[in-house]
Each structure stands twice: as structure tokens, then as C-alpha cells.
Amino acid sequence: MSDGLWFWEEFTENLLYGYRVKEFIFSGRSRFQKIDILELGVFGKTLFLDHKIQSAQVDEFIFHESLVHTGMITHGSPEKVLIIGGGEGATLREVLRSSSVKRAVMVDIDGELVELCKRHLPEWSAGAFDDPRAEVIIDDAYDYIKNTEEKFDLIISDLTEPLEGGPSVKLFTREYYHLLRQHLNEGGVITVQSGSADPYYHQFFVSVASTLKEVFPVVRPYWAFVFSFNMPWGFNLASTLTDPLDLDEEEVIRRLNTLGLDDLKYLTPSLFLSSFSMPAYILPSLKKAHPITEANPFLWTE
């Protein structure tokens, strides 16, 4: 191994990733989590939370376009959007690219993280925090959704995986998804960042799908390969009305043009449709997965 500084990410007790570091931009703790912002030799600026990679300059657009615009296209013309998490601001950036959006509310529990990302990762938000359509609320998303009376066309869950004792554990449960559905307008859509979709560590991905199926009439798991994550990454879409598989490529093109999203860097009409095709190794797990509840939460264990 060559000389120099290396940052090690223990994905699990059996899997370790190493990254050569060009610069330590920031390393410290907020009230809620360990935060590291590094300049890496291959990935550029990269954010780690609790020693786990969250977002890298080289390919964050793959993750964020997949998370945001799959829901945008499925809905067709969302005007009010709620983002749960998303501290870097890139999810907000992608939401505000749509010409249909009149209001975007971002709720993140960690205000220190948001400020650090504004300062050190401005490329992620690209001015989104200053957009007059945006409102950023520093709060527990569970408390926010229980207390607000506002309804949305699209809700995007951009949370870290549920670690024991962490703030996101209760935000992947059947009970919470019931609350979210109550805050959707007719025809509303939800997209959920759902962890790895690789052949070995995909249990969280399929469990989120199983949980959403208890709340929504339409649930479609989908995935994208994210280079900096070193694996395929899973998402779930839930809808109160529209099934994205009912859309053909011509309709997807029409919706992208209507939304002003005809210049994306990753998501194409054909890729939108193919992203819902599951590899064979996922299918049995989707059938066997159990819903996540407050009484039986999913905890990501190393």
C-alpha cells in the first residue's frame, strides 16, 4: 500500500473500505453524530457521518437524481415538497430544479451538519438554501410531521440508516409512514433512501419495501449503482395513485420536459423505467421481508 493518510470505513465487521486522503477539511462531532468532510484522491470532497460514507463529489448526482426525480416524474407536477433529512442540501437543490415546485420544506435534526455543509460543501446545495421557495427547519422530523397541518405532493426521505440509539430509527416504521400518508395530497408520492441493494446486505432495502406496502397501494423498489458507495443502492417509491410502471418512455420524456428536467446528468427516460427491474437475488427477499414497526424496529448492525 502506498504511503500517505488513509481513512477507513467499517461497513460491517466483515467489510472494510479504505480511502486515500488528500486533505482533512473538517473532523468533529455534532450533538447527534460524528462528521468528517475529506478531500479524497478519487472521489473529491466526501462526507462521512458516523464513519460511513454519505455523499461524494464525483457522483452525488447519481444518488440525488435517483432519490428526487423518480418521485418527480411519477407525480408529474409536484408543487409542494417535503424533504426529511438531506443536510448537505443536494436533495433540496434537485427539488428546486423543477419548474413546478412552489414550496420546498427541508426538515433536518442536525443544524450543525447543515451549517458545516453550507460552509464546506457549497457545491452540493448550489444556492438552494437561498432560494425563496425553500424553508429549512431544524427539528426532529417525527415531531414536525405530528405537529404540522401542511400537506405535500411529494415527500422525500433522505435519512441515514437506522443505527441503535440514532434519531432515524423511528422514521422507517409503519407508524411513521401512516403519519406521512396523512400529510400527502391526493395523488401524492413518497421516495425513501433505503440502503444497499447488494446480494448480501439488502435486508434493510426489502424491509422498507415491505413496510411501505402496509400503508400505500403502490410500492415500487428501485435501485442505482453508486460508484462511491462501491455497491448498488436501493430506494423505494410509494404512491397513493400513480404506478410508475404504467408510464411509457414517451410519457416520461413529456413529464421531464414539463418539469424542466431535460438536462439531468444521470437519469434518462429509459433508465427511469429500467431502475424498477429487480435482480433475481432480491425477489425472494422481497416476498419474505417483514414490516418495520416501532415495537420491532430495524437496526443496522455492524
C-alpha atoms as a PDB file:
ATOM      1  CA  MET A   1       0.000   0.000   0.000  1.00  0.00           C
ATOM      2  CA  SER A   2       1.308   3.468  -0.872  1.00  0.00           C
ATOM      3  CA  ASP A   3       2.277   5.976   1.802  1.00  0.00           C
ATOM      4  CA  GLY A   4       0.019   8.776   2.937  1.00  0.00           C
ATOM      5  CA  LEU A   5      -3.080   9.353   5.044  1.00  0.00           C
ATOM      6  CA  TRP A   6      -5.911   6.837   4.805  1.00  0.00           C
ATOM      7  CA  PHE A   7      -9.476   6.956   6.131  1.00  0.00           C
ATOM      8  CA  TRP A   8     -11.080   3.630   6.972  1.00  0.00           C
ATOM      9  CA  GLU A   9     -14.803   2.931   6.785  1.00  0.00           C
ATOM     10  CA  GLU A  10     -16.026  -0.208   8.541  1.00  0.00           C
ATOM     11  CA  PHE A  11     -19.154  -1.007   6.550  1.00  0.00           C
ATOM     12  CA  THR A  12     -19.657  -4.118   8.691  1.00  0.00           C
ATOM     13  CA  GLU A  13     -17.368  -6.224  10.867  1.00  0.00           C
ATOM     14  CA  ASN A  14     -16.577  -8.252   7.733  1.00  0.00           C
ATOM     15  CA  LEU A  15     -16.129  -5.421   5.225  1.00  0.00           C
ATOM     16  CA  LEU A  16     -13.654  -2.551   5.399  1.00  0.00           C
ATOM     17  CA  TYR A  17     -13.101   0.220   2.834  1.00  0.00           C
ATOM     18  CA  GLY A  18     -10.008   2.410   2.653  1.00  0.00           C
ATOM     19  CA  TYR A  19      -9.732   5.865   1.078  1.00  0.00           C
ATOM     20  CA  ARG A  20      -6.544   7.832   0.472  1.00  0.00           C
ATOM     21  CA  VAL A  21      -6.970  11.328   1.933  1.00  0.00           C
ATOM     22  CA  LYS A  22      -5.637  14.446   0.229  1.00  0.00           C
ATOM     23  CA  GLU A  23      -6.980  16.806   2.920  1.00  0.00           C
ATOM     24  CA  PHE A  24      -8.936  16.659   6.165  1.00  0.00           C
ATOM     25  CA  ILE A  25     -11.368  19.548   5.675  1.00  0.00           C
ATOM     26  CA  PHE A  26     -13.313  19.012   8.900  1.00  0.00           C
ATOM     27  CA  SER A  27     -13.475  16.368  11.601  1.00  0.00           C
ATOM     28  CA  GLY A  28     -15.621  16.672  14.709  1.00  0.00           C
ATOM     29  CA  ARG A  29     -18.897  15.829  16.398  1.00  0.00           C
ATOM     30  CA  SER A  30     -22.271  17.494  16.389  1.00  0.00           C
ATOM     31  CA  ARG A  31     -24.844  16.801  19.073  1.00  0.00           C
ATOM     32  CA  PHE A  32     -26.081  13.854  17.041  1.00  0.00           C
ATOM     33  CA  GLN A  33     -23.230  12.312  15.064  1.00  0.00           C
ATOM     34  CA  LYS A  34     -19.568  12.191  14.070  1.00  0.00           C
ATOM     35  CA  ILE A  35     -18.923  14.340  10.989  1.00  0.00           C
ATOM     36  CA  ASP A  36     -15.923  14.043   8.659  1.00  0.00           C
ATOM     37  CA  ILE A  37     -15.513  16.067   5.472  1.00  0.00           C
ATOM     38  CA  LEU A  38     -12.485  14.937   3.484  1.00  0.00           C
ATOM     39  CA  GLU A  39     -10.865  15.554   0.132  1.00  0.00           C
ATOM     40  CA  LEU A  40     -10.206  12.085  -1.271  1.00  0.00           C
ATOM     41  CA  GLY A  41      -7.876  11.197  -4.109  1.00  0.00           C
ATOM     42  CA  VAL A  42     -10.560   9.582  -6.270  1.00  0.00           C
ATOM     43  CA  PHE A  43     -13.917  10.909  -5.013  1.00  0.00           C
ATOM     44  CA  GLY A  44     -13.105  14.582  -4.369  1.00  0.00           C
ATOM     45  CA  LYS A  45     -14.882  16.183  -1.410  1.00  0.00           C
ATOM     46  CA  THR A  46     -16.660  13.467   0.562  1.00  0.00           C
ATOM     47  CA  LEU A  47     -18.976  13.489   3.581  1.00  0.00           C
ATOM     48  CA  PHE A  48     -18.890  10.737   6.207  1.00  0.00           C
ATOM     49  CA  LEU A  49     -21.354  10.515   9.102  1.00  0.00           C
ATOM     50  CA  ASP A  50     -20.509   8.169  11.965  1.00  0.00           C
ATOM     51  CA  HIS A  51     -17.635   6.883   9.804  1.00  0.00           C
ATOM     52  CA  LYS A  52     -19.991   5.867   6.950  1.00  0.00           C
ATOM     53  CA  ILE A  53     -19.851   7.482   3.530  1.00  0.00           C
ATOM     54  CA  GLN A  54     -22.864   9.634   2.693  1.00  0.00           C
ATOM     55  CA  SER A  55     -22.026  11.638  -0.392  1.00  0.00           C
ATOM     56  CA  ALA A  56     -19.058  12.196  -2.726  1.00  0.00           C
ATOM     57  CA  GLN A  57     -18.378  14.969  -5.201  1.00  0.00           C
ATOM     58  CA  VAL A  58     -17.616  12.581  -8.041  1.00  0.00           C
ATOM     59  CA  ASP A  59     -21.099  11.026  -8.167  1.00  0.00           C
ATOM     60  CA  GLU A  60     -23.517  12.562  -5.639  1.00  0.00           C
ATOM     61  CA  PHE A  61     -25.724  13.473  -8.605  1.00  0.00           C
ATOM     62  CA  ILE A  62     -26.460   9.780  -9.213  1.00  0.00           C
ATOM     63  CA  PHE A  63     -27.852   9.321  -5.718  1.00  0.00           C
ATOM     64  CA  HIS A  64     -29.747  12.610  -5.577  1.00  0.00           C
ATOM     65  CA  GLU A  65     -31.265  12.470  -9.054  1.00  0.00           C
ATOM     66  CA  SER A  66     -32.435   8.925  -8.353  1.00  0.00           C
ATOM     67  CA  LEU A  67     -33.933   9.853  -4.988  1.00  0.00           C
ATOM     68  CA  VAL A  68     -35.651  13.052  -6.128  1.00  0.00           C
ATOM     69  CA  HIS A  69     -36.599  12.830  -9.784  1.00  0.00           C
ATOM     70  CA  THR A  70     -38.015   9.316  -9.758  1.00  0.00           C
ATOM     71  CA  GLY A  71     -40.707  10.757  -7.489  1.00  0.00           C
ATOM     72  CA  MET A  72     -40.971  13.968  -9.508  1.00  0.00           C
ATOM     73  CA  ILE A  73     -41.630  12.071 -12.715  1.00  0.00           C
ATOM     74  CA  THR A  74     -44.105   9.691 -11.096  1.00  0.00           C
ATOM     75  CA  HIS A  75     -46.163  12.548  -9.661  1.00  0.00           C
ATOM     76  CA  GLY A  76     -45.849  14.673 -12.783  1.00  0.00           C
ATOM     77  CA  SER A  77     -46.194  18.177 -11.342  1.00  0.00           C
ATOM     78  CA  PRO A  78     -45.484  18.446  -7.596  1.00  0.00           C
ATOM     79  CA  GLU A  79     -45.893  21.963  -6.215  1.00  0.00           C
ATOM     80  CA  LYS A  80     -45.200  21.332  -2.517  1.00  0.00           C
ATOM     81  CA  VAL A  81     -42.351  19.056  -1.465  1.00  0.00           C
ATOM     82  CA  LEU A  82     -41.169  17.906   1.964  1.00  0.00           C
ATOM     83  CA  ILE A  83     -37.582  16.680   2.441  1.00  0.00           C
ATOM     84  CA  ILE A  84     -36.823  14.679   5.578  1.00  0.00           C
ATOM     85  CA  GLY A  85     -33.099  14.882   6.279  1.00  0.00           C
ATOM     86  CA  GLY A  86     -30.856  15.891   3.400  1.00  0.00           C
ATOM     87  CA  GLY A  87     -28.441  18.036   5.405  1.00  0.00           C
ATOM     88  CA  GLU A  88     -25.962  18.550   2.533  1.00  0.00           C
ATOM     89  CA  GLY A  89     -28.591  20.492   0.556  1.00  0.00           C
ATOM     90  CA  ALA A  90     -28.240  18.442  -2.640  1.00  0.00           C
ATOM     91  CA  THR A  91     -31.720  16.935  -2.312  1.00  0.00           C
ATOM     92  CA  LEU A  92     -33.109  20.444  -1.909  1.00  0.00           C
ATOM     93  CA  ARG A  93     -31.082  21.548  -4.945  1.00  0.00           C
ATOM     94  CA  GLU A  94     -32.593  18.825  -7.109  1.00  0.00           C
ATOM     95  CA  VAL A  95     -36.136  19.508  -5.873  1.00  0.00           C
ATOM     96  CA  LEU A  96     -35.821  23.194  -6.748  1.00  0.00           C
ATOM     97  CA  ARG A  97     -34.660  22.389 -10.287  1.00  0.00           C
ATOM     98  CA  SER A  98     -38.253  21.510 -11.114  1.00  0.00           C
ATOM     99  CA  SER A  99     -40.287  24.350 -12.570  1.00  0.00           C
ATOM    100  CA  SER A 100     -43.440  23.006 -10.919  1.00  0.00           C
ATOM    101  CA  VAL A 101     -42.193  23.400  -7.334  1.00  0.00           C
ATOM    102  CA  LYS A 102     -43.562  26.421  -5.490  1.00  0.00           C
ATOM    103  CA  ARG A 103     -42.566  25.427  -1.957  1.00  0.00           C
ATOM    104  CA  ALA A 104     -39.928  23.053  -0.565  1.00  0.00           C
ATOM    105  CA  VAL A 105     -39.625  22.347   3.159  1.00  0.00           C
ATOM    106  CA  MET A 106     -36.473  20.607   4.428  1.00  0.00           C
ATOM    107  CA  VAL A 107     -36.525  19.220   7.977  1.00  0.00           C
ATOM    108  CA  ASP A 108     -33.200  18.053   9.426  1.00  0.00           C
ATOM    109  CA  ILE A 109     -32.452  17.385  13.081  1.00  0.00           C
ATOM    110  CA  ASP A 110     -28.780  18.379  12.891  1.00  0.00           C
ATOM    111  CA  GLY A 111     -28.377  22.114  12.395  1.00  0.00           C
ATOM    112  CA  GLU A 112     -24.619  21.877  12.936  1.00  0.00           C
ATOM    113  CA  LEU A 113     -24.345  19.476   9.983  1.00  0.00           C
ATOM    114  CA  VAL A 114     -26.378  21.792   7.764  1.00  0.00           C
ATOM    115  CA  GLU A 115     -24.114  24.746   8.583  1.00  0.00           C
ATOM    116  CA  LEU A 116     -20.953  22.700   8.022  1.00  0.00           C
ATOM    117  CA  CYS A 117     -22.224  21.585   4.616  1.00  0.00           C
ATOM    118  CA  LYS A 118     -23.081  25.156   3.663  1.00  0.00           C
ATOM    119  CA  ARG A 119     -19.530  26.178   4.563  1.00  0.00           C
ATOM    120  CA  HIS A 120     -17.508  23.253   3.244  1.00  0.00           C
ATOM    121  CA  LEU A 121     -19.724  21.628   0.589  1.00  0.00           C
ATOM    122  CA  PRO A 122     -21.389  24.580  -1.180  1.00  0.00           C
ATOM    123  CA  GLU A 123     -21.307  22.667  -4.484  1.00  0.00           C
ATOM    124  CA  TRP A 124     -23.951  20.303  -3.083  1.00  0.00           C
ATOM    125  CA  SER A 125     -26.603  22.947  -2.397  1.00  0.00           C
ATOM    126  CA  ALA A 126     -25.561  25.268  -5.260  1.00  0.00           C
ATOM    127  CA  GLY A 127     -27.525  28.174  -3.789  1.00  0.00           C
ATOM    128  CA  ALA A 128     -30.625  26.145  -2.901  1.00  0.00           C
ATOM    129  CA  PHE A 129     -30.647  27.320   0.724  1.00  0.00           C
ATOM    130  CA  ASP A 130     -31.114  30.893  -0.507  1.00  0.00           C
ATOM    131  CA  ASP A 131     -33.962  30.094  -2.897  1.00  0.00           C
ATOM    132  CA  PRO A 132     -37.148  31.946  -1.794  1.00  0.00           C
ATOM    133  CA  ARG A 133     -39.176  28.764  -2.349  1.00  0.00           C
ATOM    134  CA  ALA A 134     -37.149  26.916   0.308  1.00  0.00           C
ATOM    135  CA  GLU A 135     -37.752  26.715   4.056  1.00  0.00           C
ATOM    136  CA  VAL A 136     -35.223  24.906   6.252  1.00  0.00           C
ATOM    137  CA  ILE A 137     -36.464  23.707   9.650  1.00  0.00           C
ATOM    138  CA  ILE A 138     -34.084  22.294  12.251  1.00  0.00           C
ATOM    139  CA  ASP A 139     -36.236  19.804  14.143  1.00  0.00           C
ATOM    140  CA  ASP A 140     -36.929  16.138  14.738  1.00  0.00           C
ATOM    141  CA  ALA A 141     -38.876  15.044  11.665  1.00  0.00           C
ATOM    142  CA  TYR A 142     -41.147  12.846  13.790  1.00  0.00           C
ATOM    143  CA  ASP A 143     -42.190  15.829  15.906  1.00  0.00           C
ATOM    144  CA  TYR A 144     -42.526  18.030  12.833  1.00  0.00           C
ATOM    145  CA  ILE A 145     -44.880  15.711  10.977  1.00  0.00           C
ATOM    146  CA  LYS A 146     -47.000  15.127  14.102  1.00  0.00           C
ATOM    147  CA  ASN A 147     -47.464  18.846  14.667  1.00  0.00           C
ATOM    148  CA  THR A 148     -47.814  20.289  11.178  1.00  0.00           C
ATOM    149  CA  GLU A 149     -51.119  20.559   9.351  1.00  0.00           C
ATOM    150  CA  GLU A 150     -49.455  21.130   5.978  1.00  0.00           C
ATOM    151  CA  LYS A 151     -49.858  18.614   3.154  1.00  0.00           C
ATOM    152  CA  PHE A 152     -47.459  17.880   0.316  1.00  0.00           C
ATOM    153  CA  ASP A 153     -47.441  16.423  -3.183  1.00  0.00           C
ATOM    154  CA  LEU A 154     -44.069  14.706  -2.752  1.00  0.00           C
ATOM    155  CA  ILE A 155     -42.240  13.606   0.395  1.00  0.00           C
ATOM    156  CA  ILE A 156     -38.576  12.600   0.119  1.00  0.00           C
ATOM    157  CA  SER A 157     -36.903  10.652   2.934  1.00  0.00           C
ATOM    158  CA  ASP A 158     -33.142  11.258   2.780  1.00  0.00           C
ATOM    159  CA  LEU A 159     -32.073   9.766   6.098  1.00  0.00           C
ATOM    160  CA  THR A 160     -29.119   7.750   7.317  1.00  0.00           C
ATOM    161  CA  GLU A 161     -29.686   4.055   8.033  1.00  0.00           C
ATOM    162  CA  PRO A 162     -31.199   3.366  11.475  1.00  0.00           C
ATOM    163  CA  LEU A 163     -28.378   2.837  13.970  1.00  0.00           C
ATOM    164  CA  GLU A 164     -29.182   1.848  17.545  1.00  0.00           C
ATOM    165  CA  GLY A 165     -29.816   4.978  19.582  1.00  0.00           C
ATOM    166  CA  GLY A 166     -29.869   7.138  16.448  1.00  0.00           C
ATOM    167  CA  PRO A 167     -32.587   9.688  15.566  1.00  0.00           C
ATOM    168  CA  SER A 168     -33.708   7.934  12.362  1.00  0.00           C
ATOM    169  CA  VAL A 169     -34.801   4.583  13.888  1.00  0.00           C
ATOM    170  CA  LYS A 170     -38.473   5.552  14.275  1.00  0.00           C
ATOM    171  CA  LEU A 171     -38.562   7.283  10.870  1.00  0.00           C
ATOM    172  CA  PHE A 172     -38.615   3.990   8.936  1.00  0.00           C
ATOM    173  CA  THR A 173     -41.573   2.417  10.730  1.00  0.00           C
ATOM    174  CA  ARG A 174     -45.104   1.573   9.630  1.00  0.00           C
ATOM    175  CA  GLU A 175     -46.429   4.054  12.185  1.00  0.00           C
ATOM    176  CA  TYR A 176     -44.377   6.893  10.729  1.00  0.00           C
ATOM    177  CA  TYR A 177     -45.347   6.065   7.157  1.00  0.00           C
ATOM    178  CA  HIS A 178     -49.005   6.213   8.235  1.00  0.00           C
ATOM    179  CA  LEU A 179     -48.339   9.736   9.511  1.00  0.00           C
ATOM    180  CA  LEU A 180     -46.643  10.690   6.259  1.00  0.00           C
ATOM    181  CA  ARG A 181     -49.554   9.417   4.194  1.00  0.00           C
ATOM    182  CA  GLN A 182     -51.891  11.663   6.168  1.00  0.00           C
ATOM    183  CA  HIS A 183     -49.775  14.605   5.010  1.00  0.00           C
ATOM    184  CA  LEU A 184     -49.914  13.772   1.310  1.00  0.00           C
ATOM    185  CA  ASN A 185     -52.273  15.471  -1.100  1.00  0.00           C
ATOM    186  CA  GLU A 186     -54.348  13.333  -3.437  1.00  0.00           C
ATOM    187  CA  GLY A 187     -52.009  11.587  -5.871  1.00  0.00           C
ATOM    188  CA  GLY A 188     -49.072  12.093  -3.525  1.00  0.00           C
ATOM    189  CA  VAL A 189     -45.772  10.216  -3.793  1.00  0.00           C
ATOM    190  CA  ILE A 190     -43.012   9.267  -1.338  1.00  0.00           C
ATOM    191  CA  THR A 191     -39.431   8.239  -2.140  1.00  0.00           C
ATOM    192  CA  VAL A 192     -37.195   6.684   0.505  1.00  0.00           C
ATOM    193  CA  GLN A 193     -33.428   6.203   0.572  1.00  0.00           C
ATOM    194  CA  SER A 194     -33.296   2.520   1.563  1.00  0.00           C
ATOM    195  CA  GLY A 195     -29.702   1.340   1.853  1.00  0.00           C
ATOM    196  CA  SER A 196     -27.686  -1.236  -0.016  1.00  0.00           C
ATOM    197  CA  ALA A 197     -29.212  -3.445  -2.710  1.00  0.00           C
ATOM    198  CA  ASP A 198     -26.200  -5.757  -2.962  1.00  0.00           C
ATOM    199  CA  PRO A 199     -26.543  -9.580  -2.789  1.00  0.00           C
ATOM    200  CA  TYR A 200     -25.574  -9.808   0.906  1.00  0.00           C
ATOM    201  CA  TYR A 201     -26.645  -6.659   2.791  1.00  0.00           C
ATOM    202  CA  HIS A 202     -30.043  -5.898   1.238  1.00  0.00           C
ATOM    203  CA  GLN A 203     -32.267  -6.761   4.218  1.00  0.00           C
ATOM    204  CA  PHE A 204     -32.977  -3.121   5.080  1.00  0.00           C
ATOM    205  CA  PHE A 205     -33.912  -2.308   1.477  1.00  0.00           C
ATOM    206  CA  VAL A 206     -36.531  -5.061   1.274  1.00  0.00           C
ATOM    207  CA  SER A 207     -37.811  -4.385   4.798  1.00  0.00           C
ATOM    208  CA  VAL A 208     -38.584  -0.767   3.875  1.00  0.00           C
ATOM    209  CA  ALA A 209     -40.492  -2.021   0.820  1.00  0.00           C
ATOM    210  CA  SER A 210     -42.485  -4.440   2.976  1.00  0.00           C
ATOM    211  CA  THR A 211     -43.309  -1.665   5.452  1.00  0.00           C
ATOM    212  CA  LEU A 212     -44.500   0.764   2.782  1.00  0.00           C
ATOM    213  CA  LYS A 213     -46.748  -1.938   1.286  1.00  0.00           C
ATOM    214  CA  GLU A 214     -48.756  -1.948   4.508  1.00  0.00           C
ATOM    215  CA  VAL A 215     -49.547   1.742   4.051  1.00  0.00           C
ATOM    216  CA  PHE A 216     -49.648   2.523   0.312  1.00  0.00           C
ATOM    217  CA  PRO A 217     -51.480   0.901  -2.611  1.00  0.00           C
ATOM    218  CA  VAL A 218     -48.492   1.276  -4.953  1.00  0.00           C
ATOM    219  CA  VAL A 219     -44.935   0.456  -3.848  1.00  0.00           C
ATOM    220  CA  ARG A 220     -42.035   0.079  -6.279  1.00  0.00           C
ATOM    221  CA  PRO A 221     -38.478  -0.673  -5.125  1.00  0.00           C
ATOM    222  CA  TYR A 222     -35.787   0.674  -7.456  1.00  0.00           C
ATOM    223  CA  TRP A 223     -32.018   0.988  -7.487  1.00  0.00           C
ATOM    224  CA  ALA A 224     -28.926   2.642  -8.946  1.00  0.00           C
ATOM    225  CA  PHE A 225     -25.256   1.778  -8.835  1.00  0.00           C
ATOM    226  CA  VAL A 226     -23.380   4.456  -6.863  1.00  0.00           C
ATOM    227  CA  PHE A 227     -19.648   4.363  -7.572  1.00  0.00           C
ATOM    228  CA  SER A 228     -18.527   5.934  -4.287  1.00  0.00           C
ATOM    229  CA  PHE A 229     -20.697   3.513  -2.285  1.00  0.00           C
ATOM    230  CA  ASN A 230     -18.991   0.569  -4.032  1.00  0.00           C
ATOM    231  CA  MET A 231     -22.341  -1.184  -4.498  1.00  0.00           C
ATOM    232  CA  PRO A 232     -25.869  -0.936  -5.923  1.00  0.00           C
ATOM    233  CA  TRP A 233     -28.051   1.325  -3.789  1.00  0.00           C
ATOM    234  CA  GLY A 234     -31.727   0.831  -3.067  1.00  0.00           C
ATOM    235  CA  PHE A 235     -34.638   3.248  -2.963  1.00  0.00           C
ATOM    236  CA  ASN A 236     -38.379   2.760  -2.579  1.00  0.00           C
ATOM    237  CA  LEU A 237     -41.199   4.702  -4.168  1.00  0.00           C
ATOM    238  CA  ALA A 238     -44.695   4.657  -2.674  1.00  0.00           C
ATOM    239  CA  SER A 239     -47.693   6.289  -4.306  1.00  0.00           C
ATOM    240  CA  THR A 240     -51.299   6.899  -3.397  1.00  0.00           C
ATOM    241  CA  LEU A 241     -52.323   6.717  -7.048  1.00  0.00           C
ATOM    242  CA  THR A 242     -49.828   6.552  -9.921  1.00  0.00           C
ATOM    243  CA  ASP A 243     -47.828   3.437 -10.705  1.00  0.00           C
ATOM    244  CA  PRO A 244     -44.560   4.467 -12.409  1.00  0.00           C
ATOM    245  CA  LEU A 245     -44.643   1.189 -14.349  1.00  0.00           C
ATOM    246  CA  ASP A 246     -47.770   2.452 -16.138  1.00  0.00           C
ATOM    247  CA  LEU A 247     -45.670   5.199 -17.750  1.00  0.00           C
ATOM    248  CA  ASP A 248     -44.047   4.571 -21.122  1.00  0.00           C
ATOM    249  CA  GLU A 249     -40.878   6.255 -22.341  1.00  0.00           C
ATOM    250  CA  GLU A 250     -42.760   8.877 -24.346  1.00  0.00           C
ATOM    251  CA  GLU A 251     -44.733   9.935 -21.257  1.00  0.00           C
ATOM    252  CA  VAL A 252     -41.569  10.070 -19.136  1.00  0.00           C
ATOM    253  CA  ILE A 253     -39.975  12.362 -21.739  1.00  0.00           C
ATOM    254  CA  ARG A 254     -43.074  14.568 -21.732  1.00  0.00           C
ATOM    255  CA  ARG A 255     -43.023  14.844 -17.938  1.00  0.00           C
ATOM    256  CA  LEU A 256     -39.309  15.632 -17.835  1.00  0.00           C
ATOM    257  CA  ASN A 257     -39.821  18.431 -20.341  1.00  0.00           C
ATOM    258  CA  THR A 258     -42.825  19.783 -18.414  1.00  0.00           C
ATOM    259  CA  LEU A 259     -40.816  19.776 -15.184  1.00  0.00           C
ATOM    260  CA  GLY A 260     -37.835  21.443 -16.862  1.00  0.00           C
ATOM    261  CA  LEU A 261     -35.669  18.407 -16.149  1.00  0.00           C
ATOM    262  CA  ASP A 262     -34.421  17.599 -19.632  1.00  0.00           C
ATOM    263  CA  ASP A 263     -30.737  18.180 -18.740  1.00  0.00           C
ATOM    264  CA  LEU A 264     -30.137  15.664 -15.937  1.00  0.00           C
ATOM    265  CA  LYS A 265     -26.646  14.177 -15.609  1.00  0.00           C
ATOM    266  CA  TYR A 266     -27.718  10.630 -14.721  1.00  0.00           C
ATOM    267  CA  LEU A 267     -31.394   9.776 -15.015  1.00  0.00           C
ATOM    268  CA  THR A 268     -32.681   9.171 -18.543  1.00  0.00           C
ATOM    269  CA  PRO A 269     -36.213   8.090 -19.564  1.00  0.00           C
ATOM    270  CA  SER A 270     -35.116   4.532 -20.285  1.00  0.00           C
ATOM    271  CA  LEU A 271     -33.080   4.372 -17.052  1.00  0.00           C
ATOM    272  CA  PHE A 272     -36.085   5.619 -15.062  1.00  0.00           C
ATOM    273  CA  LEU A 273     -38.124   2.670 -16.343  1.00  0.00           C
ATOM    274  CA  SER A 274     -35.397   0.057 -16.015  1.00  0.00           C
ATOM    275  CA  SER A 275     -34.468   1.090 -12.451  1.00  0.00           C
ATOM    276  CA  PHE A 276     -37.589  -0.699 -11.177  1.00  0.00           C
ATOM    277  CA  SER A 277     -36.378  -4.043 -12.546  1.00  0.00           C
ATOM    278  CA  MET A 278     -35.070  -6.060  -9.613  1.00  0.00           C
ATOM    279  CA  PRO A 279     -32.197  -8.546  -9.877  1.00  0.00           C
ATOM    280  CA  ALA A 280     -33.216 -12.152  -9.260  1.00  0.00           C
ATOM    281  CA  TYR A 281     -31.457 -12.345  -5.882  1.00  0.00           C
ATOM    282  CA  ILE A 282     -33.730  -9.596  -4.478  1.00  0.00           C
ATOM    283  CA  LEU A 283     -37.075 -11.160  -5.426  1.00  0.00           C
ATOM    284  CA  PRO A 284     -37.267 -13.941  -2.784  1.00  0.00           C
ATOM    285  CA  SER A 285     -36.215 -11.473  -0.077  1.00  0.00           C
ATOM    286  CA  LEU A 286     -38.964  -9.039  -1.101  1.00  0.00           C
ATOM    287  CA  LYS A 287     -41.527 -11.797  -0.583  1.00  0.00           C
ATOM    288  CA  LYS A 288     -40.174 -12.803   2.840  1.00  0.00           C
ATOM    289  CA  ALA A 289     -39.392  -9.397   4.351  1.00  0.00           C
ATOM    290  CA  HIS A 290     -41.216  -8.294   7.496  1.00  0.00           C
ATOM    291  CA  PRO A 291     -42.577  -4.790   8.084  1.00  0.00           C
ATOM    292  CA  ILE A 292     -40.659  -2.432  10.368  1.00  0.00           C
ATOM    293  CA  THR A 293     -42.671  -1.223  13.360  1.00  0.00           C
ATOM    294  CA  GLU A 294     -41.980   0.820  16.475  1.00  0.00           C
ATOM    295  CA  ALA A 295     -42.240  -2.375  18.504  1.00  0.00           C
ATOM    296  CA  ASN A 296     -39.886  -4.216  16.111  1.00  0.00           C
ATOM    297  CA  PRO A 297     -37.578  -1.600  14.568  1.00  0.00           C
ATOM    298  CA  PHE A 298     -34.848  -2.341  12.062  1.00  0.00           C
ATOM    299  CA  LEU A 299     -31.382  -1.646  13.449  1.00  0.00           C
ATOM    300  CA  TRP A 300     -28.397  -1.613  11.145  1.00  0.00           C
ATOM    301  CA  THR A 301     -25.765  -3.689  12.926  1.00  0.00           C
ATOM    302  CA  GLU A 302     -22.104  -3.820  12.024  1.00  0.00           C
END
